[in-house]
Amino acid sequence: MCRKPDQTTPSTMPPQEEKVPYPSILLPWIRAYRSTPKLHITRDIDIGFSLLCAILFTILRISYRHLLRSLGWPSPPDPDTLFASACMASFCHSSVILPGLAAALLSQPYRPSSKLSESPEWYRDATHAILSYCTGYMIYDSIVGYVVETWQPGVGPVLAADHWMFLVHHVLTSLYMISARFVGAGHMSAMILMFLGEFTAPIMNVHLILEKAMEQPAFRDSSWIPLAFAYNEQVFAGCYCAFRIFLGPLAAAHLTWDLIFTKRGRGNVPVWLSLGWMPMCWGVLLGSIPWIQTCLETLRRGPVLTGRDDEL
């Protein structure tokens, strides 16, 4: 039987519950998640969307290498080119996810321990999409950044101390998001931490790219790059301090209280899991202290229009 031309397939249409207004910015997330073939590892957890995102980020990173090479950067495996292409991919990840996180957090009553089943279907799909997207980024960066690009023939991947730090961060962040989806609760705690943590990432990545650009022979005579670097450094330092000194600890304290010290929180998320999340939550904030100290010094010093700061 023929369908009427104006009918919409379930994979692209908002569900019946979407007669209630919802943020239009989440529609691309919902449609992308629903249109991607599913590869379930449990009834509620699909990794197909994460794997697709990992593949797309890999293609993006390789494309950025070629773009940088065309702009005069050294050919890979030059470490500066590899590093800058990774920063460009990271910039895309955070710039895309931040609006989705903001819309998801603002569209439902905020409670870190909320059950996902208490929300409408469109919100559940948007949440799965956002968490899967971030998980896909972690998978891609772990493989490309810390296996492929550190691989030495006959030896295997050779990781520095900071490589291990980032790799552990990726694994623990992925476990946090996957476990929240597995128990069907606590997703908002993951998203608020992600939002506050990623908010400064676009500025930081611009900062790191500009820093590397100043070292390239093709840009050493450029006057705008040092100027942009100096002022971007101040913006980044100010935002980083605001989020890591004030907003981050406030959000972490609130979600700690809600998950562990409220009856509803303990009922929605197993206590053992909440306790397992706490080192991930507070560890990132404590690990930020050296960066906070550097950023405070940067703000006290003010913009430096000649030379560059090697600490950030």
C-alpha atoms as a PDB file:
ATOM      1  CA  MET A   1       0.000   0.000   0.000  1.00  0.00           C
ATOM      2  CA  CYS A   2       1.351   3.389  -0.932  1.00  0.00           C
ATOM      3  CA  ARG A   3       2.129   5.905   1.785  1.00  0.00           C
ATOM      4  CA  LYS A   4       0.873   9.442   1.555  1.00  0.00           C
ATOM      5  CA  PRO A   5       3.652  11.735   0.360  1.00  0.00           C
ATOM      6  CA  ASP A   6       3.601  13.773   3.568  1.00  0.00           C
ATOM      7  CA  GLN A   7       4.145  10.823   5.896  1.00  0.00           C
ATOM      8  CA  THR A   8       7.498  10.606   7.647  1.00  0.00           C
ATOM      9  CA  THR A   9       9.466   7.483   8.418  1.00  0.00           C
ATOM     10  CA  PRO A  10      10.127   6.700  12.087  1.00  0.00           C
ATOM     11  CA  SER A  11      13.887   6.967  11.605  1.00  0.00           C
ATOM     12  CA  THR A  12      13.716  10.672  10.826  1.00  0.00           C
ATOM     13  CA  MET A  13      10.525  11.956  12.377  1.00  0.00           C
ATOM     14  CA  PRO A  14      10.251  13.169  15.959  1.00  0.00           C
ATOM     15  CA  PRO A  15       8.213  10.661  18.025  1.00  0.00           C
ATOM     16  CA  GLN A  16       4.632  11.335  19.074  1.00  0.00           C
ATOM     17  CA  GLU A  17       5.861  12.883  22.302  1.00  0.00           C
ATOM     18  CA  GLU A  18       7.555  15.583  20.256  1.00  0.00           C
ATOM     19  CA  LYS A  19       4.274  17.376  19.862  1.00  0.00           C
ATOM     20  CA  VAL A  20       5.575  18.974  23.054  1.00  0.00           C
ATOM     21  CA  PRO A  21       8.116  21.707  22.143  1.00  0.00           C
ATOM     22  CA  TYR A  22      11.717  20.553  22.305  1.00  0.00           C
ATOM     23  CA  PRO A  23      15.010  22.295  21.383  1.00  0.00           C
ATOM     24  CA  SER A  24      15.416  22.283  17.610  1.00  0.00           C
ATOM     25  CA  ILE A  25      19.180  22.140  18.107  1.00  0.00           C
ATOM     26  CA  LEU A  26      18.747  18.539  19.275  1.00  0.00           C
ATOM     27  CA  LEU A  27      16.978  17.435  16.092  1.00  0.00           C
ATOM     28  CA  PRO A  28      20.213  16.680  14.155  1.00  0.00           C
ATOM     29  CA  TRP A  29      21.398  14.569  17.088  1.00  0.00           C
ATOM     30  CA  ILE A  30      18.103  12.664  17.219  1.00  0.00           C
ATOM     31  CA  ARG A  31      17.963  12.052  13.479  1.00  0.00           C
ATOM     32  CA  ALA A  32      21.611  11.035  13.223  1.00  0.00           C
ATOM     33  CA  TYR A  33      21.261   8.563  16.085  1.00  0.00           C
ATOM     34  CA  ARG A  34      18.059   7.017  14.735  1.00  0.00           C
ATOM     35  CA  SER A  35      19.368   6.700  11.184  1.00  0.00           C
ATOM     36  CA  THR A  36      22.582   4.921  12.193  1.00  0.00           C
ATOM     37  CA  PRO A  37      22.544   1.092  12.127  1.00  0.00           C
ATOM     38  CA  LYS A  38      22.499  -0.230  15.666  1.00  0.00           C
ATOM     39  CA  LEU A  39      25.115  -2.528  17.172  1.00  0.00           C
ATOM     40  CA  HIS A  40      23.852  -3.333  20.653  1.00  0.00           C
ATOM     41  CA  ILE A  41      26.144  -4.646  23.381  1.00  0.00           C
ATOM     42  CA  THR A  42      23.183  -4.566  25.796  1.00  0.00           C
ATOM     43  CA  ARG A  43      19.499  -3.892  25.288  1.00  0.00           C
ATOM     44  CA  ASP A  44      19.941  -0.158  25.868  1.00  0.00           C
ATOM     45  CA  ILE A  45      23.534   0.454  24.779  1.00  0.00           C
ATOM     46  CA  ASP A  46      24.369   0.755  21.103  1.00  0.00           C
ATOM     47  CA  ILE A  47      27.993   1.237  20.054  1.00  0.00           C
ATOM     48  CA  GLY A  48      27.313   1.594  16.326  1.00  0.00           C
ATOM     49  CA  PHE A  49      26.969   5.377  16.579  1.00  0.00           C
ATOM     50  CA  SER A  50      30.172   5.619  18.633  1.00  0.00           C
ATOM     51  CA  LEU A  51      32.137   3.564  16.105  1.00  0.00           C
ATOM     52  CA  LEU A  52      30.811   5.676  13.235  1.00  0.00           C
ATOM     53  CA  CYS A  53      31.874   8.850  15.056  1.00  0.00           C
ATOM     54  CA  ALA A  54      35.320   7.340  15.692  1.00  0.00           C
ATOM     55  CA  ILE A  55      35.728   6.652  11.965  1.00  0.00           C
ATOM     56  CA  LEU A  56      34.590  10.161  11.043  1.00  0.00           C
ATOM     57  CA  PHE A  57      37.013  11.765  13.514  1.00  0.00           C
ATOM     58  CA  THR A  58      39.844   9.663  12.091  1.00  0.00           C
ATOM     59  CA  ILE A  59      39.042  10.874   8.568  1.00  0.00           C
ATOM     60  CA  LEU A  60      38.818  14.441   9.863  1.00  0.00           C
ATOM     61  CA  ARG A  61      42.205  14.240  11.570  1.00  0.00           C
ATOM     62  CA  ILE A  62      43.895  12.853   8.454  1.00  0.00           C
ATOM     63  CA  SER A  63      42.241  15.570   6.344  1.00  0.00           C
ATOM     64  CA  TYR A  64      43.590  18.245   8.694  1.00  0.00           C
ATOM     65  CA  ARG A  65      47.100  16.852   8.250  1.00  0.00           C
ATOM     66  CA  HIS A  66      46.820  17.407   4.499  1.00  0.00           C
ATOM     67  CA  LEU A  67      45.349  20.873   5.032  1.00  0.00           C
ATOM     68  CA  LEU A  68      48.218  21.905   7.295  1.00  0.00           C
ATOM     69  CA  ARG A  69      50.742  20.494   4.834  1.00  0.00           C
ATOM     70  CA  SER A  70      49.194  22.604   2.064  1.00  0.00           C
ATOM     71  CA  LEU A  71      49.561  25.687   4.294  1.00  0.00           C
ATOM     72  CA  GLY A  72      53.292  25.171   4.718  1.00  0.00           C
ATOM     73  CA  TRP A  73      53.487  22.935   7.779  1.00  0.00           C
ATOM     74  CA  PRO A  74      56.003  20.036   7.654  1.00  0.00           C
ATOM     75  CA  SER A  75      54.831  16.702   6.310  1.00  0.00           C
ATOM     76  CA  PRO A  76      53.715  14.055   8.807  1.00  0.00           C
ATOM     77  CA  PRO A  77      55.090  12.368  10.860  1.00  0.00           C
ATOM     78  CA  ASP A  78      56.386  15.754  11.971  1.00  0.00           C
ATOM     79  CA  PRO A  79      55.195  16.023  15.611  1.00  0.00           C
ATOM     80  CA  ASP A  80      53.968  19.630  15.264  1.00  0.00           C
ATOM     81  CA  THR A  81      51.728  18.753  12.335  1.00  0.00           C
ATOM     82  CA  LEU A  82      50.389  15.673  14.080  1.00  0.00           C
ATOM     83  CA  PHE A  83      49.737  17.672  17.240  1.00  0.00           C
ATOM     84  CA  ALA A  84      48.008  20.558  15.454  1.00  0.00           C
ATOM     85  CA  SER A  85      45.771  18.206  13.440  1.00  0.00           C
ATOM     86  CA  ALA A  86      44.760  16.496  16.695  1.00  0.00           C
ATOM     87  CA  CYS A  87      43.908  19.900  18.193  1.00  0.00           C
ATOM     88  CA  MET A  88      41.793  20.776  15.151  1.00  0.00           C
ATOM     89  CA  ALA A  89      39.812  17.551  15.486  1.00  0.00           C
ATOM     90  CA  SER A  90      39.398  18.218  19.213  1.00  0.00           C
ATOM     91  CA  PHE A  91      38.154  21.729  18.414  1.00  0.00           C
ATOM     92  CA  CYS A  92      35.476  20.238  16.161  1.00  0.00           C
ATOM     93  CA  HIS A  93      34.451  17.708  18.810  1.00  0.00           C
ATOM     94  CA  SER A  94      33.941  20.287  21.553  1.00  0.00           C
ATOM     95  CA  SER A  95      32.375  22.938  19.293  1.00  0.00           C
ATOM     96  CA  VAL A  96      29.758  20.459  18.078  1.00  0.00           C
ATOM     97  CA  ILE A  97      28.953  18.840  21.409  1.00  0.00           C
ATOM     98  CA  LEU A  98      28.654  21.982  23.553  1.00  0.00           C
ATOM     99  CA  PRO A  99      25.397  23.318  22.018  1.00  0.00           C
ATOM    100  CA  GLY A 100      23.865  19.832  22.214  1.00  0.00           C
ATOM    101  CA  LEU A 101      24.875  19.452  25.856  1.00  0.00           C
ATOM    102  CA  ALA A 102      23.477  22.864  26.743  1.00  0.00           C
ATOM    103  CA  ALA A 103      20.167  22.090  25.033  1.00  0.00           C
ATOM    104  CA  ALA A 104      19.905  18.657  26.655  1.00  0.00           C
ATOM    105  CA  LEU A 105      20.676  19.980  30.134  1.00  0.00           C
ATOM    106  CA  LEU A 106      18.228  22.887  29.842  1.00  0.00           C
ATOM    107  CA  SER A 107      15.354  20.980  28.253  1.00  0.00           C
ATOM    108  CA  GLN A 108      14.604  18.785  31.300  1.00  0.00           C
ATOM    109  CA  PRO A 109      14.518  19.436  35.051  1.00  0.00           C
ATOM    110  CA  TYR A 110      18.135  19.178  36.197  1.00  0.00           C
ATOM    111  CA  ARG A 111      18.921  16.448  38.688  1.00  0.00           C
ATOM    112  CA  PRO A 112      22.209  14.528  38.358  1.00  0.00           C
ATOM    113  CA  SER A 113      20.647  11.217  39.445  1.00  0.00           C
ATOM    114  CA  SER A 114      17.585  11.425  37.188  1.00  0.00           C
ATOM    115  CA  LYS A 115      16.409   8.285  35.428  1.00  0.00           C
ATOM    116  CA  LEU A 116      16.517   8.402  31.661  1.00  0.00           C
ATOM    117  CA  SER A 117      13.168   6.591  31.490  1.00  0.00           C
ATOM    118  CA  GLU A 118      11.494   9.579  33.156  1.00  0.00           C
ATOM    119  CA  SER A 119      12.181  11.710  30.058  1.00  0.00           C
ATOM    120  CA  PRO A 120      10.416  11.694  26.662  1.00  0.00           C
ATOM    121  CA  GLU A 121      11.697   9.497  23.863  1.00  0.00           C
ATOM    122  CA  TRP A 122      13.234  12.359  21.878  1.00  0.00           C
ATOM    123  CA  TYR A 123      15.293  13.305  24.930  1.00  0.00           C
ATOM    124  CA  ARG A 124      16.445   9.732  25.474  1.00  0.00           C
ATOM    125  CA  ASP A 125      17.613   9.482  21.869  1.00  0.00           C
ATOM    126  CA  ALA A 126      19.377  12.855  22.047  1.00  0.00           C
ATOM    127  CA  THR A 127      21.140  11.806  25.251  1.00  0.00           C
ATOM    128  CA  HIS A 128      22.282   8.499  23.768  1.00  0.00           C
ATOM    129  CA  ALA A 129      23.526  10.362  20.685  1.00  0.00           C
ATOM    130  CA  ILE A 130      25.522  12.932  22.663  1.00  0.00           C
ATOM    131  CA  LEU A 131      27.090  10.381  25.019  1.00  0.00           C
ATOM    132  CA  SER A 132      27.823   8.025  22.108  1.00  0.00           C
ATOM    133  CA  TYR A 133      29.407  10.868  20.120  1.00  0.00           C
ATOM    134  CA  CYS A 134      31.768  11.670  22.985  1.00  0.00           C
ATOM    135  CA  THR A 135      32.545   7.986  23.487  1.00  0.00           C
ATOM    136  CA  GLY A 136      33.368   7.732  19.790  1.00  0.00           C
ATOM    137  CA  TYR A 137      35.805  10.630  20.138  1.00  0.00           C
ATOM    138  CA  MET A 138      37.506   8.895  23.057  1.00  0.00           C
ATOM    139  CA  ILE A 139      37.810   5.661  21.056  1.00  0.00           C
ATOM    140  CA  TYR A 140      39.262   7.463  18.029  1.00  0.00           C
ATOM    141  CA  ASP A 141      41.753   9.560  20.021  1.00  0.00           C
ATOM    142  CA  SER A 142      42.911   6.591  22.080  1.00  0.00           C
ATOM    143  CA  ILE A 143      43.660   4.540  18.960  1.00  0.00           C
ATOM    144  CA  VAL A 144      44.967   7.214  16.584  1.00  0.00           C
ATOM    145  CA  GLY A 145      46.694   9.451  19.111  1.00  0.00           C
ATOM    146  CA  TYR A 146      48.159   6.894  21.491  1.00  0.00           C
ATOM    147  CA  VAL A 147      48.626   3.779  19.368  1.00  0.00           C
ATOM    148  CA  VAL A 148      48.980   4.682  15.674  1.00  0.00           C
ATOM    149  CA  GLU A 149      50.949   7.927  16.067  1.00  0.00           C
ATOM    150  CA  THR A 150      53.209   6.589  18.833  1.00  0.00           C
ATOM    151  CA  TRP A 151      53.888   3.277  17.122  1.00  0.00           C
ATOM    152  CA  GLN A 152      57.538   2.340  16.619  1.00  0.00           C
ATOM    153  CA  PRO A 153      58.312  -0.608  14.315  1.00  0.00           C
ATOM    154  CA  GLY A 154      59.446  -3.644  16.260  1.00  0.00           C
ATOM    155  CA  VAL A 155      58.535  -2.003  19.553  1.00  0.00           C
ATOM    156  CA  GLY A 156      54.868  -0.996  19.425  1.00  0.00           C
ATOM    157  CA  PRO A 157      53.317   2.148  20.904  1.00  0.00           C
ATOM    158  CA  VAL A 158      55.742   4.181  23.005  1.00  0.00           C
ATOM    159  CA  LEU A 159      53.845   6.394  25.429  1.00  0.00           C
ATOM    160  CA  ALA A 160      55.178   9.283  27.470  1.00  0.00           C
ATOM    161  CA  ALA A 161      53.851  10.004  30.972  1.00  0.00           C
ATOM    162  CA  ASP A 162      51.348  12.594  29.729  1.00  0.00           C
ATOM    163  CA  HIS A 163      50.139  10.126  27.087  1.00  0.00           C
ATOM    164  CA  TRP A 164      49.191   7.679  29.816  1.00  0.00           C
ATOM    165  CA  MET A 165      47.368  10.424  31.693  1.00  0.00           C
ATOM    166  CA  PHE A 166      45.187  11.270  28.697  1.00  0.00           C
ATOM    167  CA  LEU A 167      44.646   7.620  27.820  1.00  0.00           C
ATOM    168  CA  VAL A 168      43.430   6.842  31.346  1.00  0.00           C
ATOM    169  CA  HIS A 169      41.192   9.917  31.177  1.00  0.00           C
ATOM    170  CA  HIS A 170      39.630   8.641  27.936  1.00  0.00           C
ATOM    171  CA  VAL A 171      39.012   5.165  29.350  1.00  0.00           C
ATOM    172  CA  LEU A 172      37.480   6.424  32.605  1.00  0.00           C
ATOM    173  CA  THR A 173      35.328   9.017  30.833  1.00  0.00           C
ATOM    174  CA  SER A 174      33.991   6.357  28.488  1.00  0.00           C
ATOM    175  CA  LEU A 175      33.252   4.034  31.413  1.00  0.00           C
ATOM    176  CA  TYR A 176      31.370   6.835  33.183  1.00  0.00           C
ATOM    177  CA  MET A 177      29.146   7.492  30.155  1.00  0.00           C
ATOM    178  CA  ILE A 178      28.575   3.818  29.310  1.00  0.00           C
ATOM    179  CA  SER A 179      27.772   2.870  32.906  1.00  0.00           C
ATOM    180  CA  ALA A 180      25.254   5.733  33.185  1.00  0.00           C
ATOM    181  CA  ARG A 181      23.522   4.469  30.050  1.00  0.00           C
ATOM    182  CA  PHE A 182      23.671   0.884  31.376  1.00  0.00           C
ATOM    183  CA  VAL A 183      21.862   1.680  34.638  1.00  0.00           C
ATOM    184  CA  GLY A 184      19.584   4.189  32.891  1.00  0.00           C
ATOM    185  CA  ALA A 185      20.344   6.992  35.339  1.00  0.00           C
ATOM    186  CA  GLY A 186      23.043   9.519  36.198  1.00  0.00           C
ATOM    187  CA  HIS A 187      23.351  10.685  32.599  1.00  0.00           C
ATOM    188  CA  MET A 188      22.879  14.296  33.674  1.00  0.00           C
ATOM    189  CA  SER A 189      25.861  14.055  36.009  1.00  0.00           C
ATOM    190  CA  ALA A 190      27.978  12.911  33.074  1.00  0.00           C
ATOM    191  CA  MET A 191      26.646  15.672  30.822  1.00  0.00           C
ATOM    192  CA  ILE A 192      27.150  18.528  33.287  1.00  0.00           C
ATOM    193  CA  LEU A 193      30.738  17.433  33.915  1.00  0.00           C
ATOM    194  CA  MET A 194      31.266  17.107  30.183  1.00  0.00           C
ATOM    195  CA  PHE A 195      29.778  20.547  29.504  1.00  0.00           C
ATOM    196  CA  LEU A 196      31.896  22.294  32.132  1.00  0.00           C
ATOM    197  CA  GLY A 197      35.009  20.391  31.106  1.00  0.00           C
ATOM    198  CA  GLU A 198      34.596  20.963  27.365  1.00  0.00           C
ATOM    199  CA  PHE A 199      33.558  24.618  27.561  1.00  0.00           C
ATOM    200  CA  THR A 200      37.135  25.901  27.455  1.00  0.00           C
ATOM    201  CA  ALA A 201      38.336  23.244  24.983  1.00  0.00           C
ATOM    202  CA  PRO A 202      37.737  25.264  21.775  1.00  0.00           C
ATOM    203  CA  ILE A 203      39.700  28.217  23.203  1.00  0.00           C
ATOM    204  CA  MET A 204      42.446  25.928  24.465  1.00  0.00           C
ATOM    205  CA  ASN A 205      42.811  24.208  21.103  1.00  0.00           C
ATOM    206  CA  VAL A 206      43.066  27.531  19.283  1.00  0.00           C
ATOM    207  CA  HIS A 207      45.722  28.494  21.822  1.00  0.00           C
ATOM    208  CA  LEU A 208      47.725  25.314  21.171  1.00  0.00           C
ATOM    209  CA  ILE A 209      47.434  25.588  17.379  1.00  0.00           C
ATOM    210  CA  LEU A 210      48.600  29.218  17.418  1.00  0.00           C
ATOM    211  CA  GLU A 211      51.492  28.271  19.691  1.00  0.00           C
ATOM    212  CA  LYS A 212      52.667  25.631  17.236  1.00  0.00           C
ATOM    213  CA  ALA A 213      52.043  27.934  14.247  1.00  0.00           C
ATOM    214  CA  MET A 214      54.486  30.506  15.645  1.00  0.00           C
ATOM    215  CA  GLU A 215      57.214  27.850  15.521  1.00  0.00           C
ATOM    216  CA  GLN A 216      56.716  27.089  11.836  1.00  0.00           C
ATOM    217  CA  PRO A 217      59.117  28.755   9.348  1.00  0.00           C
ATOM    218  CA  ALA A 218      56.184  29.525   7.040  1.00  0.00           C
ATOM    219  CA  PHE A 219      54.592  31.770   9.701  1.00  0.00           C
ATOM    220  CA  ARG A 220      57.562  33.287  11.515  1.00  0.00           C
ATOM    221  CA  ASP A 221      57.110  36.630   9.730  1.00  0.00           C
ATOM    222  CA  SER A 222      53.403  36.776  10.548  1.00  0.00           C
ATOM    223  CA  SER A 223      52.410  39.604  12.904  1.00  0.00           C
ATOM    224  CA  TRP A 224      48.806  38.584  13.561  1.00  0.00           C
ATOM    225  CA  ILE A 225      49.549  35.103  14.928  1.00  0.00           C
ATOM    226  CA  PRO A 226      51.542  36.321  17.992  1.00  0.00           C
ATOM    227  CA  LEU A 227      48.899  38.988  18.594  1.00  0.00           C
ATOM    228  CA  ALA A 228      46.057  36.474  18.382  1.00  0.00           C
ATOM    229  CA  PHE A 229      48.006  34.087  20.607  1.00  0.00           C
ATOM    230  CA  ALA A 230      48.569  36.721  23.302  1.00  0.00           C
ATOM    231  CA  TYR A 231      44.916  37.690  23.613  1.00  0.00           C
ATOM    232  CA  ASN A 232      43.581  34.165  23.163  1.00  0.00           C
ATOM    233  CA  GLU A 233      45.858  33.141  26.024  1.00  0.00           C
ATOM    234  CA  GLN A 234      44.182  35.698  28.306  1.00  0.00           C
ATOM    235  CA  VAL A 235      40.682  34.599  27.312  1.00  0.00           C
ATOM    236  CA  PHE A 236      41.554  30.964  27.865  1.00  0.00           C
ATOM    237  CA  ALA A 237      43.181  31.639  31.250  1.00  0.00           C
ATOM    238  CA  GLY A 238      40.157  33.618  32.462  1.00  0.00           C
ATOM    239  CA  CYS A 239      37.623  31.030  31.306  1.00  0.00           C
ATOM    240  CA  TYR A 240      39.664  28.118  32.624  1.00  0.00           C
ATOM    241  CA  CYS A 241      39.948  29.658  36.087  1.00  0.00           C
ATOM    242  CA  ALA A 242      36.224  30.475  36.188  1.00  0.00           C
ATOM    243  CA  PHE A 243      35.215  26.939  35.274  1.00  0.00           C
ATOM    244  CA  ARG A 244      37.832  25.022  37.272  1.00  0.00           C
ATOM    245  CA  ILE A 245      37.859  27.165  40.429  1.00  0.00           C
ATOM    246  CA  PHE A 246      34.157  28.008  40.739  1.00  0.00           C
ATOM    247  CA  LEU A 247      31.686  26.291  38.397  1.00  0.00           C
ATOM    248  CA  GLY A 248      33.315  22.861  38.249  1.00  0.00           C
ATOM    249  CA  PRO A 249      33.606  22.333  42.024  1.00  0.00           C
ATOM    250  CA  LEU A 250      30.063  23.639  42.593  1.00  0.00           C
ATOM    251  CA  ALA A 251      28.633  21.190  40.054  1.00  0.00           C
ATOM    252  CA  ALA A 252      30.768  18.343  41.437  1.00  0.00           C
ATOM    253  CA  ALA A 253      29.648  19.068  45.011  1.00  0.00           C
ATOM    254  CA  HIS A 254      25.984  19.184  43.987  1.00  0.00           C
ATOM    255  CA  LEU A 255      26.077  15.925  42.036  1.00  0.00           C
ATOM    256  CA  THR A 256      28.004  14.250  44.860  1.00  0.00           C
ATOM    257  CA  TRP A 257      25.261  15.261  47.293  1.00  0.00           C
ATOM    258  CA  ASP A 258      22.476  14.194  44.951  1.00  0.00           C
ATOM    259  CA  LEU A 259      23.964  10.814  44.029  1.00  0.00           C
ATOM    260  CA  ILE A 260      25.197   9.700  47.438  1.00  0.00           C
ATOM    261  CA  PHE A 261      23.355  11.637  50.129  1.00  0.00           C
ATOM    262  CA  THR A 262      19.780  11.674  48.845  1.00  0.00           C
ATOM    263  CA  LYS A 263      17.369   8.756  48.974  1.00  0.00           C
ATOM    264  CA  ARG A 264      16.288   9.252  45.378  1.00  0.00           C
ATOM    265  CA  GLY A 265      19.888   9.412  44.182  1.00  0.00           C
ATOM    266  CA  ARG A 266      20.792   6.156  45.939  1.00  0.00           C
ATOM    267  CA  GLY A 267      17.652   4.566  44.541  1.00  0.00           C
ATOM    268  CA  ASN A 268      18.294   5.608  40.946  1.00  0.00           C
ATOM    269  CA  VAL A 269      22.036   4.909  40.783  1.00  0.00           C
ATOM    270  CA  PRO A 270      23.649   2.066  42.753  1.00  0.00           C
ATOM    271  CA  VAL A 271      25.771   3.493  45.552  1.00  0.00           C
ATOM    272  CA  TRP A 272      28.790   1.442  44.513  1.00  0.00           C
ATOM    273  CA  LEU A 273      28.618   2.975  41.038  1.00  0.00           C
ATOM    274  CA  SER A 274      28.236   6.523  42.360  1.00  0.00           C
ATOM    275  CA  LEU A 275      31.257   5.957  44.586  1.00  0.00           C
ATOM    276  CA  GLY A 276      33.155   4.729  41.538  1.00  0.00           C
ATOM    277  CA  TRP A 277      32.255   7.907  39.676  1.00  0.00           C
ATOM    278  CA  MET A 278      33.566  10.189  42.422  1.00  0.00           C
ATOM    279  CA  PRO A 279      37.319   9.756  41.716  1.00  0.00           C
ATOM    280  CA  MET A 280      36.623  10.507  38.038  1.00  0.00           C
ATOM    281  CA  CYS A 281      34.599  13.575  38.961  1.00  0.00           C
ATOM    282  CA  TRP A 282      36.960  15.078  41.530  1.00  0.00           C
ATOM    283  CA  GLY A 283      40.185  13.720  40.063  1.00  0.00           C
ATOM    284  CA  VAL A 284      39.930  15.919  36.990  1.00  0.00           C
ATOM    285  CA  LEU A 285      39.395  18.997  39.157  1.00  0.00           C
ATOM    286  CA  LEU A 286      42.336  18.174  41.413  1.00  0.00           C
ATOM    287  CA  GLY A 287      44.477  17.427  38.374  1.00  0.00           C
ATOM    288  CA  SER A 288      43.670  20.909  37.081  1.00  0.00           C
ATOM    289  CA  ILE A 289      45.451  22.664  39.965  1.00  0.00           C
ATOM    290  CA  PRO A 290      48.820  23.099  38.160  1.00  0.00           C
ATOM    291  CA  TRP A 291      46.989  24.515  35.121  1.00  0.00           C
ATOM    292  CA  ILE A 292      44.970  26.833  37.361  1.00  0.00           C
ATOM    293  CA  GLN A 293      48.175  28.165  38.906  1.00  0.00           C
ATOM    294  CA  THR A 294      49.651  28.801  35.470  1.00  0.00           C
ATOM    295  CA  CYS A 295      46.464  30.507  34.285  1.00  0.00           C
ATOM    296  CA  LEU A 296      46.350  32.773  37.349  1.00  0.00           C
ATOM    297  CA  GLU A 297      49.933  33.798  36.676  1.00  0.00           C
ATOM    298  CA  THR A 298      49.040  34.445  33.031  1.00  0.00           C
ATOM    299  CA  LEU A 299      46.190  36.734  34.092  1.00  0.00           C
ATOM    300  CA  ARG A 300      48.406  38.612  36.563  1.00  0.00           C
ATOM    301  CA  ARG A 301      51.067  39.100  33.900  1.00  0.00           C
ATOM    302  CA  GLY A 302      48.672  40.283  31.198  1.00  0.00           C
ATOM    303  CA  PRO A 303      49.064  39.791  27.444  1.00  0.00           C
ATOM    304  CA  VAL A 304      52.621  39.432  26.165  1.00  0.00           C
ATOM    305  CA  LEU A 305      52.787  40.760  22.630  1.00  0.00           C
ATOM    306  CA  THR A 306      56.337  39.578  21.977  1.00  0.00           C
ATOM    307  CA  GLY A 307      57.521  36.037  22.389  1.00  0.00           C
ATOM    308  CA  ARG A 308      55.323  33.303  23.790  1.00  0.00           C
ATOM    309  CA  ASP A 309      54.553  31.565  27.048  1.00  0.00           C
ATOM    310  CA  ASP A 310      56.005  28.051  27.052  1.00  0.00           C
ATOM    311  CA  GLU A 311      54.035  26.991  30.097  1.00  0.00           C
ATOM    312  CA  LEU A 312      50.544  26.819  28.582  1.00  0.00           C
END
